[in-house]
Amino acid sequence: MKYELFIALRYLLRRRGGKFISVVTVIAVIGIGVGVGALITTLSVMSGFDTELKSRIVGLSPHIFIEKEMGIENPGVLQSQINNIEGVKGSFPYIYTQGIVEFRNRARGIVLRSVDTKNKTDAEKLTPHLISFATNTELEDGLIIGSELASALGVYVSDEISLVTPASKRSQKMKVTGIFKSGMYDYDANIVYAGLGKLLDLSENGAMVSGIGVDCVLLKNCEKIKTQITKNLDYRFIVTTWAERNRNLFSAIKLEKLAMFVILTLIVVVACFSIVGVLIMTVIEKAKDIGILKSIGASKKAIITIFSIQGFIMGTVGTILGFLGGMGVSFLLKEFVRLPAQIYYIDRIPIKFHIFDSVIIAVAALVISLLATIYPAYQAARLDPVKTLRYE
């Protein structure tokens, strides 16, 4: 062990007459730990919220939307072209409109979407979320409603409810053939699915659909596939991705994540001022020791190294404690805290650890700790051993 490290550890661990400095050292380490823990927890929650929203939005919606102002006629021809593009998992026609459902004098405005259970790509988006459905009735013969909407209306599977759409002349009685739960309150409270054939019968446009949904094998290839699709279409078609349709939401989350990182990093900066105070007091207390070291040949670089190591160790211990504390708090939040689904999109706190985020936090804390040692270490190295030892 080099003598610089030995002396630095000795100054940290052995405090015969410096109890006050020991307390301040502990406070500085705890301060760094609190800052790092807060950063770990906050960024894990923000990353989890971002990931959870993406998975749930993509889980129920197409990755790419192809639409035309007056609707798309004969979508099968276009689908066959799209399905041959590399990276496309599948495609399906859809109808998207609005309506009103009523049951026992309770009415709600809803978003009405089509579902084609014969199309594997389309069916896979809804069937995993079904929590109740009629066994003796085809799903497409009736309406499939969200769990929150079913609760608000007091509806169960096999009940008949009234449906009014802009294209219908009057309300129609339709049976509830299924109830789904996506975990997103906004979807579960406002979306109703009906069979593609049923909605085509109700539509004023006959065989025309609202658009064609495309799913990609990999989400990251959506933009590339969108470009390929657009090349084969004329200007009347509008092609958008799921990310473009939710750009404002995810941009806001990204901005909040950056803002929270900057704000919480200030906690670490404040804690590192305590390191400066500890090292300055150590320099004053150990002036005699520093004078002896310099008189026997210790260089300025060695003195700077001693105090830099001392501050760096404090930062390292604080960072480790903060990392473990942040993970512990994140686990408790994930397991025991529930959110009001009416306010937030989801009903629980999601947690997602990113190695890159954790590394950035740890490196930032250690760099700030090391920078805090520069001034005290430099002042220690400037001490004149002759003046220091003159009256000893």
Protein backbone atom coordinates (compact mmCIF):
# COMPACT_ATOMS: atom_id res chain seq x y z
CA MET A 1 0.00 0.00 0.00
CA LYS A 2 1.32 3.39 -0.98
CA TYR A 3 1.88 5.74 1.91
CA GLU A 4 -0.48 8.36 0.44
CA LEU A 5 -3.42 5.91 0.62
CA PHE A 6 -2.35 4.74 4.10
CA ILE A 7 -2.27 8.30 5.47
CA ALA A 8 -5.58 9.21 3.79
CA LEU A 9 -7.29 6.18 5.39
CA ARG A 10 -5.68 7.02 8.74
CA TYR A 11 -7.08 10.57 8.61
CA LEU A 12 -10.54 9.21 7.79
CA LEU A 13 -10.72 6.38 10.32
CA ARG A 14 -8.71 7.57 13.31
CA ARG A 15 -10.01 10.71 15.02
CA ARG A 16 -8.56 10.95 18.51
CA GLY A 17 -9.34 14.58 19.06
CA GLY A 18 -11.47 15.38 16.04
CA LYS A 19 -14.96 14.13 16.90
CA PHE A 20 -16.53 17.18 15.29
CA ILE A 21 -14.73 16.50 12.01
CA SER A 22 -15.88 12.86 12.17
CA VAL A 23 -19.51 13.96 12.49
CA VAL A 24 -19.16 16.35 9.55
CA THR A 25 -17.55 13.54 7.52
CA VAL A 26 -20.52 11.26 8.19
CA ILE A 27 -22.93 14.08 7.28
CA ALA A 28 -21.08 14.66 3.99
CA VAL A 29 -21.20 10.95 3.11
CA ILE A 30 -24.90 10.74 3.97
CA GLY A 31 -25.58 13.88 1.92
CA ILE A 32 -23.94 12.35 -1.15
CA GLY A 33 -25.83 9.10 -0.53
CA VAL A 34 -29.17 10.92 -0.33
CA GLY A 35 -28.46 12.78 -3.57
CA VAL A 36 -27.40 9.66 -5.47
CA GLY A 37 -30.31 7.65 -4.03
CA ALA A 38 -32.79 10.34 -5.07
CA LEU A 39 -31.32 10.39 -8.57
CA ILE A 40 -31.43 6.60 -8.92
CA THR A 41 -35.03 6.40 -7.69
CA THR A 42 -36.33 9.32 -9.74
CA LEU A 43 -34.71 8.29 -13.03
CA SER A 44 -35.78 4.67 -12.51
CA VAL A 45 -39.39 5.76 -12.05
CA MET A 46 -39.25 8.12 -15.04
CA SER A 47 -37.67 5.43 -17.24
CA GLY A 48 -40.20 2.86 -16.04
CA PHE A 49 -43.07 5.23 -16.74
CA ASP A 50 -41.72 5.87 -20.24
CA THR A 51 -41.24 2.15 -20.99
CA GLU A 52 -44.62 1.19 -19.55
CA LEU A 53 -46.47 3.79 -21.59
CA LYS A 54 -44.70 2.72 -24.78
CA SER A 55 -45.50 -0.96 -24.26
CA ARG A 56 -49.17 -0.32 -23.50
CA ILE A 57 -49.71 2.19 -26.29
CA VAL A 58 -48.00 -0.06 -28.83
CA GLY A 59 -49.76 -3.10 -27.39
CA LEU A 60 -53.20 -1.87 -28.45
CA SER A 61 -52.36 0.35 -31.43
CA PRO A 62 -50.67 -0.27 -34.79
CA HIS A 63 -47.02 0.65 -35.09
CA ILE A 64 -47.71 2.48 -38.35
CA PHE A 65 -50.99 4.10 -39.46
CA ILE A 66 -51.89 4.46 -43.15
CA GLU A 67 -54.92 6.69 -43.67
CA LYS A 68 -56.73 8.56 -46.41
CA GLU A 69 -59.10 11.48 -45.95
CA MET A 70 -62.16 9.78 -47.51
CA GLY A 71 -61.18 6.27 -46.43
CA ILE A 72 -59.37 3.41 -48.17
CA GLU A 73 -61.21 1.19 -50.66
CA ASN A 74 -60.10 -2.38 -51.33
CA PRO A 75 -57.44 -2.41 -48.57
CA GLY A 76 -56.42 -5.98 -49.43
CA VAL A 77 -54.46 -4.84 -52.49
CA LEU A 78 -52.41 -2.38 -50.45
CA GLN A 79 -51.96 -4.92 -47.63
CA SER A 80 -50.40 -7.46 -49.95
CA GLN A 81 -47.79 -4.89 -51.01
CA ILE A 82 -47.06 -3.84 -47.43
CA ASN A 83 -46.70 -7.39 -46.13
CA ASN A 84 -43.89 -8.04 -48.63
CA ILE A 85 -41.74 -5.26 -47.15
CA GLU A 86 -38.86 -6.61 -45.07
CA GLY A 87 -39.40 -6.06 -41.35
CA VAL A 88 -43.21 -5.95 -41.52
CA LYS A 89 -44.87 -8.37 -39.12
CA GLY A 90 -48.36 -7.96 -40.59
CA SER A 91 -51.09 -5.50 -41.48
CA PHE A 92 -54.84 -5.15 -40.98
CA PRO A 93 -57.64 -2.78 -42.02
CA TYR A 94 -59.38 -0.82 -39.30
CA ILE A 95 -62.30 1.50 -38.76
CA TYR A 96 -62.01 4.31 -36.24
CA THR A 97 -64.99 6.43 -35.28
CA GLN A 98 -66.83 7.85 -32.29
CA GLY A 99 -70.15 7.04 -30.70
CA ILE A 100 -72.33 6.95 -27.61
CA VAL A 101 -73.26 3.89 -25.57
CA GLU A 102 -76.21 3.79 -23.18
CA PHE A 103 -77.29 1.28 -20.56
CA ARG A 104 -80.05 1.80 -17.97
CA ASN A 105 -80.11 5.58 -18.45
CA ARG A 106 -76.32 5.81 -18.19
CA ALA A 107 -74.65 7.20 -21.32
CA ARG A 108 -71.00 7.65 -22.22
CA GLY A 109 -69.17 9.05 -25.24
CA ILE A 110 -66.73 6.46 -26.58
CA VAL A 111 -64.13 5.82 -29.26
CA LEU A 112 -65.24 2.94 -31.47
CA ARG A 113 -62.60 0.74 -33.07
CA SER A 114 -62.83 -2.32 -35.26
CA VAL A 115 -61.25 -5.69 -34.56
CA ASP A 116 -60.83 -8.58 -36.97
CA THR A 117 -60.28 -11.79 -35.02
CA LYS A 118 -59.54 -13.63 -38.27
CA ASN A 119 -56.50 -11.40 -38.81
CA LYS A 120 -53.74 -12.67 -36.51
CA THR A 121 -51.89 -9.34 -36.32
CA ASP A 122 -55.08 -7.49 -35.33
CA ALA A 123 -56.40 -10.15 -32.95
CA GLU A 124 -53.09 -10.42 -31.04
CA LYS A 125 -53.46 -6.81 -29.90
CA LEU A 126 -56.76 -7.35 -28.08
CA THR A 127 -57.15 -11.00 -27.09
CA PRO A 128 -54.34 -10.99 -24.44
CA HIS A 129 -56.21 -8.24 -22.57
CA LEU A 130 -59.62 -9.96 -22.46
CA ILE A 131 -60.67 -10.67 -18.89
CA SER A 132 -64.20 -11.87 -19.66
CA PHE A 133 -65.94 -12.95 -22.84
CA ALA A 134 -68.93 -14.98 -24.00
CA THR A 135 -68.09 -18.59 -24.75
CA ASN A 136 -71.16 -19.25 -26.85
CA THR A 137 -70.97 -16.08 -28.96
CA GLU A 138 -68.39 -14.87 -31.43
CA LEU A 139 -66.58 -11.79 -30.14
CA GLU A 140 -67.15 -9.89 -33.36
CA ASP A 141 -70.93 -10.27 -33.16
CA GLY A 142 -71.17 -7.71 -30.36
CA LEU A 143 -69.20 -5.07 -28.48
CA ILE A 144 -65.99 -5.51 -26.48
CA ILE A 145 -65.71 -2.76 -23.88
CA GLY A 146 -63.05 -1.63 -21.41
CA SER A 147 -63.21 -2.68 -17.77
CA GLU A 148 -63.52 0.89 -16.46
CA LEU A 149 -66.36 1.67 -18.88
CA ALA A 150 -68.10 -1.57 -17.94
CA SER A 151 -67.82 -0.64 -14.27
CA ALA A 152 -69.15 2.87 -14.88
CA LEU A 153 -72.16 1.58 -16.82
CA GLY A 154 -72.74 -1.47 -14.63
CA VAL A 155 -72.45 -3.74 -17.66
CA TYR A 156 -71.57 -7.45 -17.73
CA VAL A 157 -70.96 -9.88 -20.58
CA SER A 158 -74.23 -10.79 -22.40
CA ASP A 159 -75.96 -7.52 -21.41
CA GLU A 160 -77.47 -5.50 -24.24
CA ILE A 161 -76.50 -1.85 -24.60
CA SER A 162 -77.54 0.87 -27.06
CA LEU A 163 -74.98 2.18 -29.54
CA VAL A 164 -75.27 5.37 -31.57
CA THR A 165 -72.68 6.33 -34.21
CA PRO A 166 -72.50 9.32 -36.58
CA ALA A 167 -73.37 7.00 -39.49
CA SER A 168 -76.37 5.33 -37.82
CA LYS A 169 -79.88 6.74 -38.15
CA ARG A 170 -80.91 5.51 -34.71
CA SER A 171 -79.56 3.64 -31.72
CA GLN A 172 -78.97 -0.07 -32.12
CA LYS A 173 -79.13 -2.73 -29.46
CA MET A 174 -75.89 -4.71 -29.32
CA LYS A 175 -74.78 -7.40 -26.92
CA VAL A 176 -71.60 -7.12 -24.87
CA THR A 177 -69.49 -10.10 -25.90
CA GLY A 178 -66.28 -9.25 -24.05
CA ILE A 179 -64.55 -7.02 -21.50
CA PHE A 180 -60.88 -6.09 -21.76
CA LYS A 181 -58.40 -4.51 -19.35
CA SER A 182 -55.25 -2.92 -20.77
CA GLY A 183 -54.09 -1.33 -17.51
CA MET A 184 -54.33 2.18 -19.00
CA TYR A 185 -57.30 4.00 -17.53
CA ASP A 186 -57.76 6.24 -20.57
CA TYR A 187 -58.14 3.20 -22.84
CA ASP A 188 -60.24 1.10 -20.47
CA ALA A 189 -62.68 3.95 -19.86
CA ASN A 190 -63.18 5.21 -23.41
CA ILE A 191 -62.54 2.54 -26.04
CA VAL A 192 -65.10 0.05 -27.40
CA TYR A 193 -64.25 -2.60 -30.00
CA ALA A 194 -66.67 -4.05 -32.53
CA GLY A 195 -66.22 -6.52 -35.36
CA LEU A 196 -64.88 -5.11 -38.62
CA GLY A 197 -67.85 -6.53 -40.51
CA LYS A 198 -70.33 -4.95 -38.08
CA LEU A 199 -68.77 -1.52 -38.44
CA LEU A 200 -68.65 -1.82 -42.23
CA ASP A 201 -72.41 -2.46 -42.16
CA LEU A 202 -72.92 0.65 -40.01
CA SER A 203 -70.57 2.81 -42.07
CA GLU A 204 -71.80 5.29 -44.68
CA ASN A 205 -68.79 4.49 -46.86
CA GLY A 206 -69.75 0.90 -47.55
CA ALA A 207 -66.63 -1.23 -48.01
CA MET A 208 -64.20 1.61 -47.25
CA VAL A 209 -62.10 1.46 -44.06
CA SER A 210 -60.57 4.32 -42.07
CA GLY A 211 -57.04 3.06 -42.54
CA ILE A 212 -54.57 0.19 -42.50
CA GLY A 213 -52.51 -0.66 -39.44
CA VAL A 214 -49.01 -2.06 -39.82
CA ASP A 215 -46.99 -3.86 -37.16
CA CYS A 216 -43.19 -4.09 -37.38
CA VAL A 217 -41.01 -6.90 -36.16
CA LEU A 218 -38.83 -4.33 -34.36
CA LEU A 219 -40.12 -0.96 -33.14
CA LYS A 220 -36.84 0.74 -33.93
CA ASN A 221 -37.40 0.03 -37.64
CA CYS A 222 -40.73 1.87 -37.81
CA GLU A 223 -39.30 5.01 -39.43
CA LYS A 224 -37.40 3.01 -42.03
CA ILE A 225 -40.47 0.94 -42.94
CA LYS A 226 -42.64 4.07 -43.01
CA THR A 227 -40.28 5.57 -45.61
CA GLN A 228 -40.53 2.44 -47.76
CA ILE A 229 -44.33 2.42 -47.52
CA THR A 230 -44.58 6.11 -48.41
CA LYS A 231 -42.58 5.60 -51.63
CA ASN A 232 -45.34 3.38 -53.03
CA LEU A 233 -48.24 5.72 -52.12
CA ASP A 234 -49.49 8.95 -53.61
CA TYR A 235 -49.91 12.28 -51.81
CA ARG A 236 -53.48 11.51 -50.70
CA PHE A 237 -52.28 8.97 -48.15
CA ILE A 238 -51.10 10.01 -44.69
CA VAL A 239 -48.57 7.69 -43.05
CA THR A 240 -47.65 8.17 -39.37
CA THR A 241 -45.92 6.09 -36.72
CA TRP A 242 -47.00 5.46 -33.13
CA ALA A 243 -44.11 7.67 -31.94
CA GLU A 244 -45.26 10.62 -34.05
CA ARG A 245 -48.81 10.34 -32.72
CA ASN A 246 -47.56 10.40 -29.13
CA ARG A 247 -44.62 12.77 -29.66
CA ASN A 248 -45.80 15.44 -27.20
CA LEU A 249 -46.30 12.93 -24.39
CA PHE A 250 -42.88 11.29 -24.67
CA SER A 251 -41.10 14.61 -25.31
CA ALA A 252 -42.56 15.90 -22.05
CA ILE A 253 -41.37 12.81 -20.17
CA LYS A 254 -37.88 13.16 -21.66
CA LEU A 255 -37.71 16.83 -20.69
CA GLU A 256 -38.91 16.10 -17.13
CA LYS A 257 -36.30 13.36 -16.80
CA LEU A 258 -33.52 15.76 -17.81
CA ALA A 259 -34.83 18.49 -15.49
CA MET A 260 -35.02 16.11 -12.52
CA PHE A 261 -31.46 14.91 -13.19
CA VAL A 262 -30.15 18.49 -13.14
CA ILE A 263 -32.14 19.47 -10.03
CA LEU A 264 -31.24 16.40 -8.00
CA THR A 265 -27.58 16.63 -9.01
CA LEU A 266 -27.56 19.90 -7.05
CA ILE A 267 -28.14 17.83 -3.90
CA VAL A 268 -24.88 16.01 -4.60
CA VAL A 269 -23.14 19.34 -5.26
CA VAL A 270 -24.36 20.74 -1.93
CA ALA A 271 -23.22 17.59 -0.14
CA CYS A 272 -19.79 17.93 -1.72
CA PHE A 273 -19.40 21.36 -0.14
CA SER A 274 -19.34 19.42 3.12
CA ILE A 275 -16.34 17.51 1.76
CA VAL A 276 -14.60 20.83 1.19
CA GLY A 277 -15.31 21.82 4.80
CA VAL A 278 -14.10 18.47 6.15
CA LEU A 279 -10.84 18.64 4.21
CA ILE A 280 -10.16 22.26 5.16
CA MET A 281 -10.64 21.42 8.84
CA THR A 282 -8.42 18.36 8.39
CA VAL A 283 -5.70 20.54 6.85
CA ILE A 284 -5.88 22.92 9.84
CA GLU A 285 -5.85 20.06 12.36
CA LYS A 286 -3.06 18.14 10.62
CA ALA A 287 -0.85 21.13 9.77
CA LYS A 288 1.93 19.69 11.95
CA ASP A 289 1.71 16.30 10.23
CA ILE A 290 1.82 17.96 6.82
CA GLY A 291 4.87 19.96 7.89
CA ILE A 292 6.66 16.77 9.05
CA LEU A 293 5.79 14.96 5.81
CA LYS A 294 7.15 17.80 3.70
CA SER A 295 10.27 18.12 5.84
CA ILE A 296 11.15 14.46 5.30
CA GLY A 297 10.76 14.75 1.54
CA ALA A 298 7.07 14.42 0.67
CA SER A 299 6.33 16.36 -2.50
CA LYS A 300 3.43 18.74 -3.14
CA LYS A 301 1.96 16.10 -5.44
CA ALA A 302 1.97 13.56 -2.61
CA ILE A 303 0.19 15.97 -0.24
CA ILE A 304 -2.43 16.74 -2.90
CA THR A 305 -2.86 13.00 -3.50
CA ILE A 306 -3.46 12.31 0.21
CA PHE A 307 -6.33 14.78 0.49
CA SER A 308 -7.72 13.91 -2.94
CA ILE A 309 -7.89 10.26 -1.93
CA GLN A 310 -9.62 11.22 1.31
CA GLY A 311 -12.33 13.19 -0.52
CA PHE A 312 -12.66 10.55 -3.24
CA ILE A 313 -13.21 7.80 -0.66
CA MET A 314 -15.95 9.84 0.97
CA GLY A 315 -17.60 10.33 -2.43
CA THR A 316 -17.26 6.63 -3.27
CA VAL A 317 -18.80 5.47 0.01
CA GLY A 318 -21.65 7.97 -0.37
CA THR A 319 -22.25 6.86 -3.98
CA ILE A 320 -22.38 3.17 -3.02
CA LEU A 321 -24.76 3.85 -0.13
CA GLY A 322 -26.92 6.02 -2.37
CA PHE A 323 -27.02 3.39 -5.10
CA LEU A 324 -28.11 0.66 -2.67
CA GLY A 325 -30.59 3.00 -0.99
CA GLY A 326 -32.04 4.09 -4.32
CA MET A 327 -32.57 0.50 -5.41
CA GLY A 328 -34.20 -0.33 -2.09
CA VAL A 329 -36.58 2.64 -2.23
CA SER A 330 -37.42 1.83 -5.85
CA PHE A 331 -38.32 -1.74 -4.89
CA LEU A 332 -40.59 -0.53 -2.08
CA LEU A 333 -42.32 1.95 -4.41
CA LYS A 334 -42.89 -0.73 -7.02
CA GLU A 335 -44.28 -3.29 -4.59
CA PHE A 336 -46.34 -1.24 -2.16
CA VAL A 337 -47.43 2.05 -3.78
CA ARG A 338 -50.45 2.30 -6.07
CA LEU A 339 -51.46 5.29 -8.20
CA PRO A 340 -54.95 6.71 -8.85
CA ALA A 341 -55.57 5.43 -12.38
CA GLN A 342 -58.00 8.27 -13.09
CA ILE A 343 -55.15 10.79 -12.85
CA TYR A 344 -52.22 8.80 -14.21
CA TYR A 345 -52.22 6.55 -17.23
CA ILE A 346 -51.29 3.52 -15.16
CA ASP A 347 -52.32 2.13 -11.77
CA ARG A 348 -48.90 1.43 -10.23
CA ILE A 349 -45.42 2.90 -10.12
CA PRO A 350 -43.26 1.25 -12.81
CA ILE A 351 -39.53 0.86 -12.20
CA LYS A 352 -36.94 0.45 -14.95
CA PHE A 353 -33.22 0.44 -14.19
CA HIS A 354 -30.95 1.53 -17.01
CA ILE A 355 -27.27 0.67 -16.65
CA PHE A 356 -26.32 3.78 -18.64
CA ASP A 357 -28.29 6.08 -16.29
CA SER A 358 -26.74 4.44 -13.22
CA VAL A 359 -23.22 4.77 -14.62
CA ILE A 360 -23.79 8.46 -15.46
CA ILE A 361 -25.06 9.13 -11.91
CA ALA A 362 -22.13 7.32 -10.28
CA VAL A 363 -19.54 9.02 -12.48
CA ALA A 364 -21.12 12.44 -11.91
CA ALA A 365 -21.08 11.96 -8.13
CA LEU A 366 -17.44 10.80 -8.12
CA VAL A 367 -16.29 13.63 -10.40
CA ILE A 368 -18.05 16.24 -8.23
CA SER A 369 -16.48 14.67 -5.12
CA LEU A 370 -13.04 14.76 -6.70
CA LEU A 371 -13.46 18.38 -7.81
CA ALA A 372 -14.40 19.29 -4.23
CA THR A 373 -10.95 18.15 -3.05
CA ILE A 374 -8.97 20.48 -5.33
CA TYR A 375 -8.97 23.63 -3.19
CA PRO A 376 -8.26 22.00 0.24
CA ALA A 377 -5.59 19.72 -1.25
CA TYR A 378 -3.92 22.65 -2.98
CA GLN A 379 -3.93 24.68 0.23
CA ALA A 380 -2.38 21.75 2.12
CA ALA A 381 0.37 21.43 -0.48
CA ARG A 382 1.20 25.15 -0.10
CA LEU A 383 1.93 24.92 3.64
CA ASP A 384 5.51 25.95 4.51
CA PRO A 385 7.05 23.23 6.72
CA VAL A 386 9.44 25.73 8.35
CA LYS A 387 6.66 28.04 9.49
CA THR A 388 4.44 25.10 10.46
CA LEU A 389 7.05 23.45 12.70
CA ARG A 390 8.71 26.62 14.07
CA TYR A 391 6.78 26.70 17.33
CA GLU A 392 6.29 22.92 17.71
